[in-house]
Amino acid sequence: MRKIIFILVWGFLFISGFRGHLFASGGEWQDISRGNLDIKAVCFSAEDPNTIYIGSKNRVLKSQDYGESWKASLSINGQNSSINFLYISRQDKNSIYAASGNGLFCSLDQGATWRRIFKGKNRLENECRALAVSKGNIYLATAGGLFLSQDKGRSWHKVAGLDNQEIFSITSDMREPDYLYLTCSGGVFKSQDAGHSWKKIFFVSQAEESTSQEEPTGEERAAGNVTYICMDPNNLSLIYLATPKGIYKSIDKGQNWEPLRGLGFLERKVKFLLVSNKGDIYALTPKNIFEYEGDYWQRVSFSIEAGDLYSLNLDRESNLYACAAGGLFKKNTLNFNNQQTQGSITLYFKDEPDIAEVLQAAIRYAEVSPDKIERWREQAAKKAWLPKVSVGLDREAGDLWHWETGSTTKSNDDSLKKGRDYIGWDVTLSWDLGELIWNNDQTSIDSRSKLMIELRDDILDNVTKLYFERIRLKIEIDNLSIEDHKKRIEKELRLREFTASIDALTGGYFSNAIKNKVNALKAKDDKKMLCNKNR
């Protein structure tokens, strides 16, 4: 009996070890948190690549064997003691900062000892969210405002110009130490003089007003705000924002902004952004991670349950780490897998019409083209040049009365006669030249335009989701084993359902476009074979 138990335990350990090795070598997600949950922050030692720090509910944990084991480095008491942010100083690589819900803690000896260097006057000021270190100054973002220390944390003062704004994130760079950017409840602010003055450069209005009588949590308060800002490490003029309405970017240090468009991005609420040294962009939503490749967003799927996602980071080997409620997850050999995926994924688009063509077909079929509104506006403007035509018609009788003289032997002799009736008419033309500037039709057009834009956005969103979910389904079908006969049938039925749904939104264009593309590819192959045969 003991022998059987030993074999089972040994087999379990072997399979577990093999599974971990498979995750590490195959590029899948690997849980390296070893049972530690609610990981909100991770950072890496600049001196030792095997040393990793993570922040959980009330502790900072340290691993010196690349995540194989963890030891508590800092424990924080109190109700709100979650570690929200970890930062290793780029000037002093032995200094580590831990921003928590119970103040800011600092270690000067790589996590061996800690001391609290900031405590707010109230609960909001005590809730530290993030920090930046620039020119020896420490900028601390809290739920009750921005604080500055110019003497390595020995004294602090509240930064003027931001009132008591709730700060969500702050960023800076040693190459331009006077430039600071932060996101708060009042929008996005920029400083060009090391924080002495601030200018608002972006704002997103609240999505919805809360109807709850309870005080909202930090995440709920941030639901309608810009939650994160980051700079491209290779181009400090290029800045990205994570907002509940998508991702925005600026190429001129925040002077102008535009949405970062991309096909395949199925969610709008973005919590966190990460830009690598190679310019790769990662976007984190509450449940998914997306990577931006060219004009496409590709979902970086999880193979295991992670729960709510909080933040991302990359180590020096470009391995991706995801901090989540379910622990710390690591994805190995990221670049290698991305190159494989990028090379192979094009095969699944080979016989598909381009997404832009499908979207245009949906717009044409639903008759929601922007050109339609422009035509209405042009016709309304030309209306003032057309005259109003009115036609008058009148019937009148003659006023002439006279005697009839003649023989006295005839009837009606010596009597009065009324004149003949006649019909009068007129045509009037009039112009209202004031309508050249404004007419009542413009109000009606504006209302219809708003409704049309909403309808067009809904249609395009549905078509985009169906299009890329269909591609994902094709990949899943291709990766099924021969034994998964039942799953294959179910997924193929689902594939046909997606095709029919897109056809319904494009008036049958989608299926016809696929057929035409397949025929064109076949004709091209036949021509190539014929040429080779003639040779």
Protein backbone atom coordinates (compact mmCIF):
# COMPACT_ATOMS: atom_id res chain seq x y z
CA MET A 1 0.00 0.00 0.00
CA ARG A 2 2.85 2.38 0.91
CA LYS A 3 4.52 1.53 -2.37
CA ILE A 4 1.38 2.45 -4.30
CA ILE A 5 1.06 5.76 -2.42
CA PHE A 6 4.74 6.51 -3.07
CA ILE A 7 4.32 5.86 -6.79
CA LEU A 8 1.22 8.08 -6.95
CA VAL A 9 2.94 10.92 -5.09
CA TRP A 10 6.06 10.60 -7.24
CA GLY A 11 3.91 10.58 -10.36
CA PHE A 12 2.03 13.68 -9.23
CA LEU A 13 5.28 15.54 -8.52
CA PHE A 14 6.70 14.45 -11.86
CA ILE A 15 3.60 15.63 -13.74
CA SER A 16 3.56 18.90 -11.78
CA GLY A 17 7.23 19.47 -12.55
CA PHE A 18 6.70 18.57 -16.18
CA ARG A 19 3.70 20.90 -16.33
CA GLY A 20 5.76 23.75 -14.90
CA HIS A 21 8.55 23.00 -17.38
CA LEU A 22 6.00 22.92 -20.19
CA PHE A 23 4.67 26.32 -19.19
CA ALA A 24 8.17 27.74 -18.97
CA SER A 25 9.36 26.39 -22.29
CA GLY A 26 6.17 26.60 -24.26
CA GLY A 27 5.37 30.22 -23.48
CA GLU A 28 2.17 29.52 -21.53
CA TRP A 29 1.24 31.33 -18.33
CA GLN A 30 2.81 29.94 -15.19
CA ASP A 31 1.61 30.67 -11.65
CA ILE A 32 4.75 31.52 -9.66
CA SER A 33 3.05 33.12 -6.65
CA ARG A 34 3.08 29.85 -4.65
CA GLY A 35 -0.33 30.46 -3.08
CA ASN A 36 0.06 34.20 -2.45
CA LEU A 37 -3.06 36.02 -3.64
CA ASP A 38 -4.12 39.59 -4.48
CA ILE A 39 -0.79 40.56 -6.05
CA LYS A 40 -1.08 44.19 -7.21
CA ALA A 41 2.55 45.07 -7.96
CA VAL A 42 5.79 43.42 -9.09
CA CYS A 43 9.29 44.81 -9.67
CA PHE A 44 12.72 43.37 -10.41
CA SER A 45 16.16 43.95 -8.97
CA ALA A 46 18.47 45.90 -11.24
CA GLU A 47 21.49 44.04 -9.86
CA ASP A 48 20.30 40.42 -9.66
CA PRO A 49 17.91 39.07 -12.36
CA ASN A 50 16.82 36.27 -10.02
CA THR A 51 15.46 38.69 -7.40
CA ILE A 52 11.78 39.63 -7.67
CA TYR A 53 9.57 41.69 -5.32
CA ILE A 54 5.78 41.47 -5.19
CA GLY A 55 3.17 43.38 -3.20
CA SER A 56 0.12 41.57 -1.83
CA LYS A 57 -2.66 42.50 0.60
CA ASN A 58 -0.45 43.54 3.50
CA ARG A 59 3.04 42.27 2.65
CA VAL A 60 6.01 42.73 0.38
CA LEU A 61 7.42 39.35 -0.63
CA LYS A 62 10.90 38.72 -2.03
CA SER A 63 12.19 35.86 -4.16
CA GLN A 64 15.86 35.31 -4.88
CA ASP A 65 15.39 32.20 -7.02
CA TYR A 66 13.30 33.63 -9.89
CA GLY A 67 9.93 32.95 -8.24
CA GLU A 68 10.56 29.41 -7.02
CA SER A 69 10.11 30.45 -3.37
CA TRP A 70 9.03 33.60 -1.53
CA LYS A 71 9.86 35.14 1.85
CA ALA A 72 8.11 38.02 3.60
CA SER A 73 10.17 41.20 3.41
CA LEU A 74 7.68 43.70 4.87
CA SER A 75 4.43 43.23 6.81
CA ILE A 76 2.02 46.13 7.31
CA ASN A 77 -0.65 46.35 9.98
CA GLY A 78 -3.98 48.13 9.68
CA GLN A 79 -7.27 47.74 7.86
CA ASN A 80 -6.22 49.28 4.55
CA SER A 81 -2.68 47.95 4.17
CA SER A 82 -2.62 46.64 0.60
CA ILE A 83 0.58 47.22 -1.40
CA ASN A 84 -0.50 49.30 -4.40
CA PHE A 85 2.84 50.06 -6.05
CA LEU A 86 6.50 48.97 -5.89
CA TYR A 87 9.38 51.05 -7.20
CA ILE A 88 13.14 50.47 -7.32
CA SER A 89 15.10 53.68 -7.59
CA ARG A 90 17.12 54.09 -10.77
CA GLN A 91 19.59 56.39 -8.98
CA ASP A 92 20.08 54.16 -5.93
CA LYS A 93 19.44 50.54 -6.91
CA ASN A 94 19.43 49.39 -3.29
CA SER A 95 16.41 51.59 -2.48
CA ILE A 96 12.92 50.11 -2.77
CA TYR A 97 9.66 51.97 -2.20
CA ALA A 98 6.33 50.36 -1.31
CA ALA A 99 3.24 52.58 -1.69
CA SER A 100 0.48 51.12 0.47
CA GLY A 101 -2.94 52.01 1.82
CA ASN A 102 -1.24 52.80 5.12
CA GLY A 103 1.55 55.12 3.98
CA LEU A 104 4.82 54.93 2.04
CA PHE A 105 7.57 52.53 3.14
CA CYS A 106 11.20 52.52 2.06
CA SER A 107 14.08 50.05 2.25
CA LEU A 108 17.66 51.15 1.66
CA ASP A 109 19.13 47.63 1.76
CA GLN A 110 17.20 45.68 -0.91
CA GLY A 111 14.31 44.77 1.37
CA ALA A 112 16.23 43.61 4.43
CA THR A 113 14.83 46.39 6.64
CA TRP A 114 12.00 48.87 6.11
CA ARG A 115 10.74 52.10 7.63
CA ARG A 116 7.68 54.22 6.98
CA ILE A 117 8.71 57.58 5.55
CA PHE A 118 5.25 59.05 4.89
CA LYS A 119 1.92 58.97 6.71
CA GLY A 120 -0.98 61.20 5.71
CA LYS A 121 -3.10 63.35 7.98
CA ASN A 122 -6.27 61.49 7.02
CA ARG A 123 -7.40 58.27 5.39
CA LEU A 124 -7.26 59.67 1.82
CA GLU A 125 -3.78 61.12 2.18
CA ASN A 126 -2.62 57.89 3.78
CA GLU A 127 -3.71 55.86 0.73
CA CYS A 128 -0.60 55.94 -1.45
CA ARG A 129 -1.12 54.94 -5.09
CA ALA A 130 2.15 55.49 -6.98
CA LEU A 131 5.37 57.49 -6.95
CA ALA A 132 8.08 58.90 -9.17
CA VAL A 133 11.66 59.83 -8.32
CA SER A 134 13.28 62.62 -10.35
CA LYS A 135 16.34 64.81 -9.64
CA GLY A 136 16.43 63.47 -6.08
CA ASN A 137 12.82 64.50 -5.47
CA ILE A 138 10.16 61.95 -4.49
CA TYR A 139 6.67 62.62 -5.87
CA LEU A 140 4.02 60.61 -4.03
CA ALA A 141 0.54 60.14 -5.52
CA THR A 142 -2.20 59.66 -2.91
CA ALA A 143 -5.99 59.60 -2.86
CA GLY A 144 -5.84 63.01 -1.15
CA GLY A 145 -3.35 64.87 -3.36
CA LEU A 146 0.27 64.94 -4.52
CA PHE A 147 3.12 65.18 -2.00
CA LEU A 148 6.77 66.10 -2.57
CA SER A 149 9.90 65.34 -0.59
CA GLN A 150 13.22 66.97 -1.48
CA ASP A 151 15.25 65.32 1.28
CA LYS A 152 14.76 61.58 0.60
CA GLY A 153 11.55 61.30 2.58
CA ARG A 154 12.52 63.08 5.81
CA SER A 155 9.99 65.87 5.23
CA TRP A 156 7.01 66.31 2.93
CA HIS A 157 4.78 69.10 1.67
CA LYS A 158 1.62 69.05 -0.40
CA VAL A 159 2.03 70.22 -3.99
CA ALA A 160 -0.04 73.27 -4.85
CA GLY A 161 -2.07 73.59 -8.03
CA LEU A 162 -3.79 70.22 -7.78
CA ASP A 163 -5.97 70.97 -4.71
CA ASN A 164 -7.03 67.70 -3.09
CA GLN A 165 -7.28 65.74 -6.31
CA GLU A 166 -7.27 61.95 -6.12
CA ILE A 167 -4.09 60.90 -7.93
CA PHE A 168 -4.12 57.57 -9.79
CA SER A 169 -0.69 57.44 -11.48
CA ILE A 170 2.42 59.53 -12.07
CA THR A 171 5.39 59.11 -14.41
CA SER A 172 8.71 60.79 -15.21
CA ASP A 173 12.03 60.03 -16.87
CA MET A 174 15.62 60.77 -15.84
CA ARG A 175 16.42 62.08 -19.32
CA GLU A 176 13.88 64.90 -18.90
CA PRO A 177 13.62 65.26 -15.10
CA ASP A 178 11.63 68.50 -15.20
CA TYR A 179 8.75 66.85 -17.09
CA LEU A 180 6.13 65.10 -14.97
CA TYR A 181 2.77 63.65 -15.97
CA LEU A 182 -0.01 62.43 -13.71
CA THR A 183 -3.62 61.26 -13.90
CA CYS A 184 -6.14 62.28 -11.27
CA SER A 185 -9.85 62.80 -10.71
CA GLY A 186 -9.59 66.16 -12.47
CA GLY A 187 -7.96 64.81 -15.63
CA VAL A 188 -4.38 64.53 -16.88
CA PHE A 189 -1.85 67.16 -15.76
CA LYS A 190 1.63 68.03 -16.97
CA SER A 191 4.47 69.91 -15.30
CA GLN A 192 7.51 71.26 -17.13
CA ASP A 193 9.23 72.74 -14.06
CA ALA A 194 9.68 69.76 -11.72
CA GLY A 195 6.20 70.07 -10.23
CA HIS A 196 6.10 73.78 -9.37
CA SER A 197 3.22 74.42 -11.78
CA TRP A 198 0.71 72.14 -13.49
CA LYS A 199 -1.37 72.35 -16.64
CA LYS A 200 -4.35 70.21 -17.54
CA ILE A 201 -3.81 68.47 -20.90
CA PHE A 202 -6.61 65.88 -21.05
CA PHE A 203 -9.96 65.14 -19.43
CA VAL A 204 -12.55 62.38 -19.54
CA SER A 205 -15.97 63.01 -18.01
CA GLN A 206 -17.52 60.56 -15.58
CA ALA A 207 -19.20 57.68 -17.39
CA GLU A 208 -22.01 57.39 -14.88
CA GLU A 209 -22.99 58.99 -11.58
CA SER A 210 -23.06 56.50 -8.74
CA THR A 211 -26.47 56.07 -7.10
CA SER A 212 -25.13 54.11 -4.12
CA GLN A 213 -25.31 55.73 -0.69
CA GLU A 214 -22.08 54.01 0.36
CA GLU A 215 -18.73 55.69 -0.18
CA PRO A 216 -17.16 54.26 -3.36
CA THR A 217 -13.90 52.36 -3.29
CA GLY A 218 -10.74 53.52 -5.06
CA GLU A 219 -11.46 51.42 -8.14
CA GLU A 220 -15.07 52.65 -8.29
CA ARG A 221 -13.95 56.28 -8.00
CA ALA A 222 -11.54 55.72 -10.89
CA ALA A 223 -14.18 54.17 -13.15
CA GLY A 224 -14.81 57.37 -15.09
CA ASN A 225 -11.26 58.75 -15.03
CA VAL A 226 -7.97 58.30 -16.80
CA THR A 227 -6.47 55.54 -14.67
CA TYR A 228 -2.93 55.28 -16.02
CA ILE A 229 -0.33 57.18 -18.04
CA CYS A 230 2.96 55.94 -19.46
CA MET A 231 5.68 57.11 -21.83
CA ASP A 232 7.43 55.24 -24.59
CA PRO A 233 10.94 54.65 -23.16
CA ASN A 234 12.47 55.21 -26.61
CA ASN A 235 10.48 58.35 -27.44
CA LEU A 236 9.59 60.63 -24.53
CA SER A 237 7.27 62.68 -26.75
CA LEU A 238 5.04 59.64 -27.21
CA ILE A 239 2.58 59.26 -24.32
CA TYR A 240 -0.29 56.81 -23.80
CA LEU A 241 -3.39 57.04 -21.61
CA ALA A 242 -5.59 54.26 -20.25
CA THR A 243 -9.21 55.46 -20.02
CA PRO A 244 -12.66 53.87 -19.63
CA LYS A 245 -13.30 54.85 -23.26
CA GLY A 246 -10.19 53.24 -24.73
CA ILE A 247 -6.55 54.17 -25.26
CA TYR A 248 -5.35 57.63 -26.30
CA LYS A 249 -1.91 58.67 -27.48
CA SER A 250 -0.01 61.89 -27.99
CA ILE A 251 3.08 62.31 -30.14
CA ASP A 252 3.87 65.83 -28.90
CA LYS A 253 4.11 65.48 -25.10
CA GLY A 254 0.41 65.85 -24.49
CA GLN A 255 -0.42 68.87 -26.64
CA ASN A 256 -2.70 66.89 -28.93
CA TRP A 257 -4.43 63.54 -28.40
CA GLU A 258 -6.03 60.95 -30.63
CA PRO A 259 -7.54 57.51 -29.99
CA LEU A 260 -5.20 54.59 -30.55
CA ARG A 261 -7.28 52.66 -33.05
CA GLY A 262 -6.75 48.97 -33.62
CA LEU A 263 -8.71 46.05 -34.94
CA GLY A 264 -9.49 43.22 -32.56
CA PHE A 265 -9.71 45.30 -29.39
CA LEU A 266 -13.08 44.20 -28.06
CA GLU A 267 -13.09 46.12 -24.79
CA ARG A 268 -13.00 49.83 -24.06
CA LYS A 269 -12.30 50.04 -20.32
CA VAL A 270 -8.51 49.99 -19.95
CA LYS A 271 -6.93 49.88 -16.47
CA PHE A 272 -3.21 49.69 -17.18
CA LEU A 273 -0.70 50.18 -20.00
CA LEU A 274 2.83 48.92 -20.50
CA VAL A 275 5.30 49.96 -23.22
CA SER A 276 8.45 47.86 -23.52
CA ASN A 277 11.93 49.02 -24.50
CA LYS A 278 11.23 47.58 -27.95
CA GLY A 279 8.05 49.63 -28.37
CA ASP A 280 5.62 46.75 -27.72
CA ILE A 281 2.35 47.97 -26.21
CA TYR A 282 0.31 45.94 -23.73
CA ALA A 283 -3.15 46.94 -22.53
CA LEU A 284 -4.78 45.48 -19.45
CA THR A 285 -8.55 45.37 -18.96
CA PRO A 286 -10.31 43.97 -15.88
CA LYS A 287 -10.17 40.41 -17.29
CA ASN A 288 -7.91 40.37 -20.36
CA ILE A 289 -4.49 41.38 -21.66
CA PHE A 290 -3.99 42.63 -25.22
CA GLU A 291 -0.80 43.15 -27.23
CA TYR A 292 -0.66 45.72 -30.04
CA GLU A 293 0.95 44.43 -33.24
CA GLY A 294 0.81 46.82 -36.14
CA ASP A 295 -2.85 47.74 -36.55
CA TYR A 296 -4.13 44.67 -34.71
CA TRP A 297 -4.74 43.91 -31.05
CA GLN A 298 -4.09 40.32 -30.10
CA ARG A 299 -5.45 38.92 -26.85
CA VAL A 300 -2.80 37.31 -24.65
CA SER A 301 -5.00 34.53 -23.29
CA PHE A 302 -4.70 32.86 -19.92
CA SER A 303 -4.53 29.08 -19.68
CA ILE A 304 -5.41 29.20 -15.98
CA GLU A 305 -7.86 31.26 -13.93
CA ALA A 306 -6.32 34.54 -12.79
CA GLY A 307 -9.33 36.53 -11.59
CA ASP A 308 -9.23 40.33 -11.66
CA LEU A 309 -6.10 41.79 -13.24
CA TYR A 310 -4.24 44.73 -11.65
CA SER A 311 -0.96 45.51 -13.42
CA LEU A 312 1.78 44.27 -15.77
CA ASN A 313 5.57 44.35 -15.89
CA LEU A 314 8.46 42.97 -17.95
CA ASP A 315 11.78 41.63 -16.73
CA ARG A 316 15.11 42.09 -18.52
CA GLU A 317 14.48 38.99 -20.64
CA SER A 318 11.14 40.40 -21.87
CA ASN A 319 9.11 37.87 -19.90
CA LEU A 320 5.66 39.24 -19.13
CA TYR A 321 4.28 39.24 -15.57
CA ALA A 322 0.61 39.76 -14.71
CA CYS A 323 -0.44 40.77 -11.19
CA ALA A 324 -3.89 39.43 -10.41
CA ALA A 325 -6.28 38.46 -7.65
CA GLY A 326 -5.34 34.83 -8.29
CA GLY A 327 -1.59 35.43 -7.86
CA LEU A 328 1.44 36.33 -9.98
CA PHE A 329 1.55 34.88 -13.48
CA LYS A 330 4.53 34.74 -15.80
CA LYS A 331 4.70 34.21 -19.55
CA ASN A 332 8.10 33.06 -20.79
CA THR A 333 9.89 33.59 -24.13
CA LEU A 334 7.38 36.24 -25.13
CA ASN A 335 9.13 37.55 -28.23
CA PHE A 336 9.69 34.06 -29.64
CA ASN A 337 6.04 33.15 -29.27
CA ASN A 338 4.88 36.47 -30.68
CA GLN A 339 6.99 35.95 -33.77
CA GLN A 340 5.53 32.47 -34.20
CA THR A 341 2.00 33.74 -33.71
CA GLN A 342 2.48 36.71 -36.00
CA GLY A 343 3.81 34.43 -38.74
CA SER A 344 1.13 31.78 -38.41
CA ILE A 345 -1.90 33.95 -37.75
CA THR A 346 -1.74 35.40 -41.26
CA LEU A 347 -2.72 31.98 -42.62
CA TYR A 348 -6.15 32.32 -41.00
CA PHE A 349 -6.73 35.65 -42.79
CA LYS A 350 -5.63 34.28 -46.16
CA ASP A 351 -9.11 33.47 -47.47
CA GLU A 352 -10.93 36.16 -45.47
CA PRO A 353 -11.96 39.59 -46.73
CA ASP A 354 -10.20 42.44 -45.00
CA ILE A 355 -11.99 43.72 -41.89
CA ALA A 356 -12.10 47.26 -43.34
CA GLU A 357 -13.97 45.98 -46.40
CA VAL A 358 -16.44 44.07 -44.22
CA LEU A 359 -17.10 47.16 -42.11
CA GLN A 360 -17.71 49.26 -45.22
CA ALA A 361 -20.14 46.63 -46.49
CA ALA A 362 -22.03 46.77 -43.18
CA ILE A 363 -22.22 50.57 -43.41
CA ARG A 364 -23.55 50.43 -46.96
CA TYR A 365 -26.14 47.76 -46.13
CA ALA A 366 -27.45 49.62 -43.07
CA GLU A 367 -27.36 52.96 -44.96
CA VAL A 368 -25.51 54.69 -42.14
CA SER A 369 -22.69 56.22 -44.15
CA PRO A 370 -21.43 59.64 -42.98
CA ASP A 371 -21.86 60.81 -46.58
CA LYS A 372 -25.60 60.54 -46.14
CA ILE A 373 -25.61 63.20 -43.43
CA GLU A 374 -23.34 65.43 -45.53
CA ARG A 375 -25.80 65.20 -48.44
CA TRP A 376 -28.64 66.18 -46.15
CA ARG A 377 -26.72 69.21 -44.93
CA GLU A 378 -25.85 70.29 -48.48
CA GLN A 379 -29.45 69.95 -49.61
CA ALA A 380 -30.67 71.88 -46.58
CA ALA A 381 -28.21 74.69 -47.37
CA LYS A 382 -29.44 74.87 -50.98
CA LYS A 383 -33.05 75.09 -49.85
CA ALA A 384 -32.79 78.88 -49.28
CA TRP A 385 -32.16 79.44 -53.01
CA LEU A 386 -35.46 77.81 -53.96
CA PRO A 387 -38.38 80.31 -53.99
CA LYS A 388 -41.72 79.74 -52.35
CA VAL A 389 -44.38 79.77 -55.08
CA SER A 390 -47.96 80.83 -54.40
CA VAL A 391 -50.79 81.00 -57.00
CA GLY A 392 -53.95 83.10 -56.51
CA LEU A 393 -57.28 82.45 -58.27
CA ASP A 394 -60.38 84.77 -58.09
CA ARG A 395 -63.79 84.86 -59.71
CA GLU A 396 -65.63 88.21 -60.06
CA ALA A 397 -68.77 89.53 -61.80
CA GLY A 398 -69.03 92.60 -64.03
CA ASP A 399 -70.73 95.68 -62.54
CA LEU A 400 -72.29 96.83 -65.80
CA TRP A 401 -76.13 97.14 -65.82
CA HIS A 402 -77.99 98.56 -68.84
CA TRP A 403 -81.36 98.74 -70.60
CA GLU A 404 -82.36 96.56 -73.46
CA THR A 405 -84.31 98.66 -75.93
CA GLY A 406 -86.23 97.33 -78.83
CA SER A 407 -89.59 96.23 -79.90
CA THR A 408 -92.36 96.29 -77.34
CA THR A 409 -93.68 93.07 -78.65
CA LYS A 410 -90.61 90.97 -77.52
CA SER A 411 -90.15 89.44 -74.09
CA ASN A 412 -87.57 90.84 -71.62
CA ASP A 413 -87.82 94.14 -73.38
CA ASP A 414 -86.92 97.25 -71.40
CA SER A 415 -85.14 95.27 -68.52
CA LEU A 416 -81.77 95.58 -66.70
CA LYS A 417 -78.94 93.06 -67.50
CA LYS A 418 -75.91 92.07 -65.31
CA GLY A 419 -72.40 92.01 -66.84
CA ARG A 420 -70.50 88.73 -67.52
CA ASP A 421 -68.41 86.96 -64.81
CA TYR A 422 -64.59 86.76 -65.20
CA ILE A 423 -61.73 84.81 -63.48
CA GLY A 424 -58.55 86.54 -62.20
CA TRP A 425 -55.22 84.80 -61.18
CA ASP A 426 -51.69 85.71 -60.02
CA VAL A 427 -48.31 84.02 -59.21
CA THR A 428 -46.03 85.15 -56.33
CA LEU A 429 -42.34 84.14 -55.77
CA SER A 430 -40.60 84.77 -52.39
CA TRP A 431 -37.16 83.95 -50.85
CA ASP A 432 -36.07 83.69 -47.21
CA LEU A 433 -32.32 84.42 -47.48
CA GLY A 434 -31.90 84.03 -43.73
CA GLU A 435 -32.03 80.26 -44.28
CA LEU A 436 -28.62 80.51 -45.96
CA ILE A 437 -27.20 80.88 -42.44
CA TRP A 438 -29.56 78.63 -40.48
CA ASN A 439 -32.80 76.80 -41.06
CA ASN A 440 -34.98 74.56 -38.97
CA ASP A 441 -34.00 71.49 -40.99
CA GLN A 442 -30.52 71.64 -39.42
CA THR A 443 -31.95 70.76 -35.99
CA SER A 444 -33.70 67.73 -37.42
CA ILE A 445 -30.52 66.69 -39.25
CA ASP A 446 -28.45 67.03 -36.06
CA SER A 447 -30.86 64.73 -34.18
CA ARG A 448 -30.85 62.18 -36.97
CA SER A 449 -27.06 62.40 -37.23
CA LYS A 450 -26.64 61.57 -33.55
CA LEU A 451 -28.94 58.56 -33.85
CA MET A 452 -27.17 57.42 -37.01
CA ILE A 453 -23.73 57.65 -35.38
CA GLU A 454 -24.92 55.56 -32.42
CA LEU A 455 -26.43 52.99 -34.78
CA ARG A 456 -23.27 52.89 -36.93
CA ASP A 457 -21.03 52.42 -33.86
CA ASP A 458 -23.20 49.54 -32.63
CA ILE A 459 -23.12 47.86 -36.04
CA LEU A 460 -19.36 48.26 -36.45
CA ASP A 461 -18.73 47.00 -32.91
CA ASN A 462 -20.86 43.90 -33.52
CA VAL A 463 -19.24 43.16 -36.87
CA THR A 464 -15.72 43.59 -35.44
CA LYS A 465 -16.42 41.25 -32.53
CA LEU A 466 -17.97 38.62 -34.79
CA TYR A 467 -15.13 38.88 -37.32
CA PHE A 468 -12.30 38.29 -34.83
CA GLU A 469 -14.19 35.76 -32.73
CA ARG A 470 -14.65 33.84 -35.98
CA ILE A 471 -10.88 33.92 -36.59
CA ARG A 472 -10.24 32.71 -33.06
CA LEU A 473 -12.73 29.91 -33.60
CA LYS A 474 -10.92 28.84 -36.78
CA ILE A 475 -7.67 28.67 -34.79
CA GLU A 476 -9.36 26.59 -32.07
CA ILE A 477 -10.77 24.18 -34.65
CA ASP A 478 -7.37 23.84 -36.29
CA ASN A 479 -5.77 22.99 -32.94
CA LEU A 480 -8.29 20.30 -32.00
CA SER A 481 -7.09 16.74 -31.95
CA ILE A 482 -8.66 14.04 -34.11
CA GLU A 483 -10.34 12.53 -31.04
CA ASP A 484 -12.27 15.73 -30.28
CA HIS A 485 -14.98 14.90 -32.81
CA LYS A 486 -17.85 16.30 -30.74
CA LYS A 487 -16.04 19.57 -29.98
CA ARG A 488 -15.15 19.95 -33.64
CA ILE A 489 -18.81 19.65 -34.71
CA GLU A 490 -19.89 22.18 -32.07
CA LYS A 491 -17.22 24.68 -33.07
CA GLU A 492 -17.91 24.28 -36.79
CA LEU A 493 -21.61 24.96 -36.14
CA ARG A 494 -20.57 28.01 -34.15
CA LEU A 495 -18.35 29.10 -37.05
CA ARG A 496 -21.30 28.91 -39.44
CA GLU A 497 -23.40 30.88 -36.96
CA PHE A 498 -20.80 33.67 -36.91
CA THR A 499 -20.69 33.65 -40.72
CA ALA A 500 -24.48 33.92 -40.93
CA SER A 501 -24.51 36.76 -38.39
CA ILE A 502 -21.95 38.76 -40.38
CA ASP A 503 -23.90 38.05 -43.58
CA ALA A 504 -27.04 39.40 -41.91
CA LEU A 505 -25.22 42.63 -41.08
CA THR A 506 -23.62 43.00 -44.53
CA GLY A 507 -26.43 41.81 -46.79
CA GLY A 508 -24.62 38.60 -47.76
CA TYR A 509 -21.41 40.40 -48.70
CA PHE A 510 -19.22 38.40 -46.31
CA SER A 511 -19.88 34.92 -47.76
CA ASN A 512 -19.64 36.21 -51.33
CA ALA A 513 -16.32 37.92 -50.55
CA ILE A 514 -14.93 34.69 -49.09
CA LYS A 515 -16.08 32.74 -52.14
CA ASN A 516 -14.53 35.29 -54.53
CA LYS A 517 -11.25 35.32 -52.61
CA VAL A 518 -11.04 31.52 -52.56
CA ASN A 519 -11.76 31.39 -56.30
CA ALA A 520 -9.12 34.06 -56.96
CA LEU A 521 -6.52 32.16 -54.93
CA LYS A 522 -7.42 28.94 -56.73
CA ALA A 523 -7.14 30.60 -60.13
CA LYS A 524 -3.77 32.00 -59.14
CA ASP A 525 -2.53 28.56 -58.05
CA ASP A 526 -3.86 26.95 -61.26
CA LYS A 527 -2.08 29.56 -63.35
CA LYS A 528 1.13 28.96 -61.45
CA MET A 529 0.85 25.20 -61.93
CA LEU A 530 0.19 25.69 -65.66
CA CYS A 531 3.27 27.88 -66.02
CA ASN A 532 5.41 25.30 -64.24
CA LYS A 533 4.00 22.55 -66.47
CA ASN A 534 4.78 24.49 -69.66
CA ARG A 535 8.36 24.91 -68.51
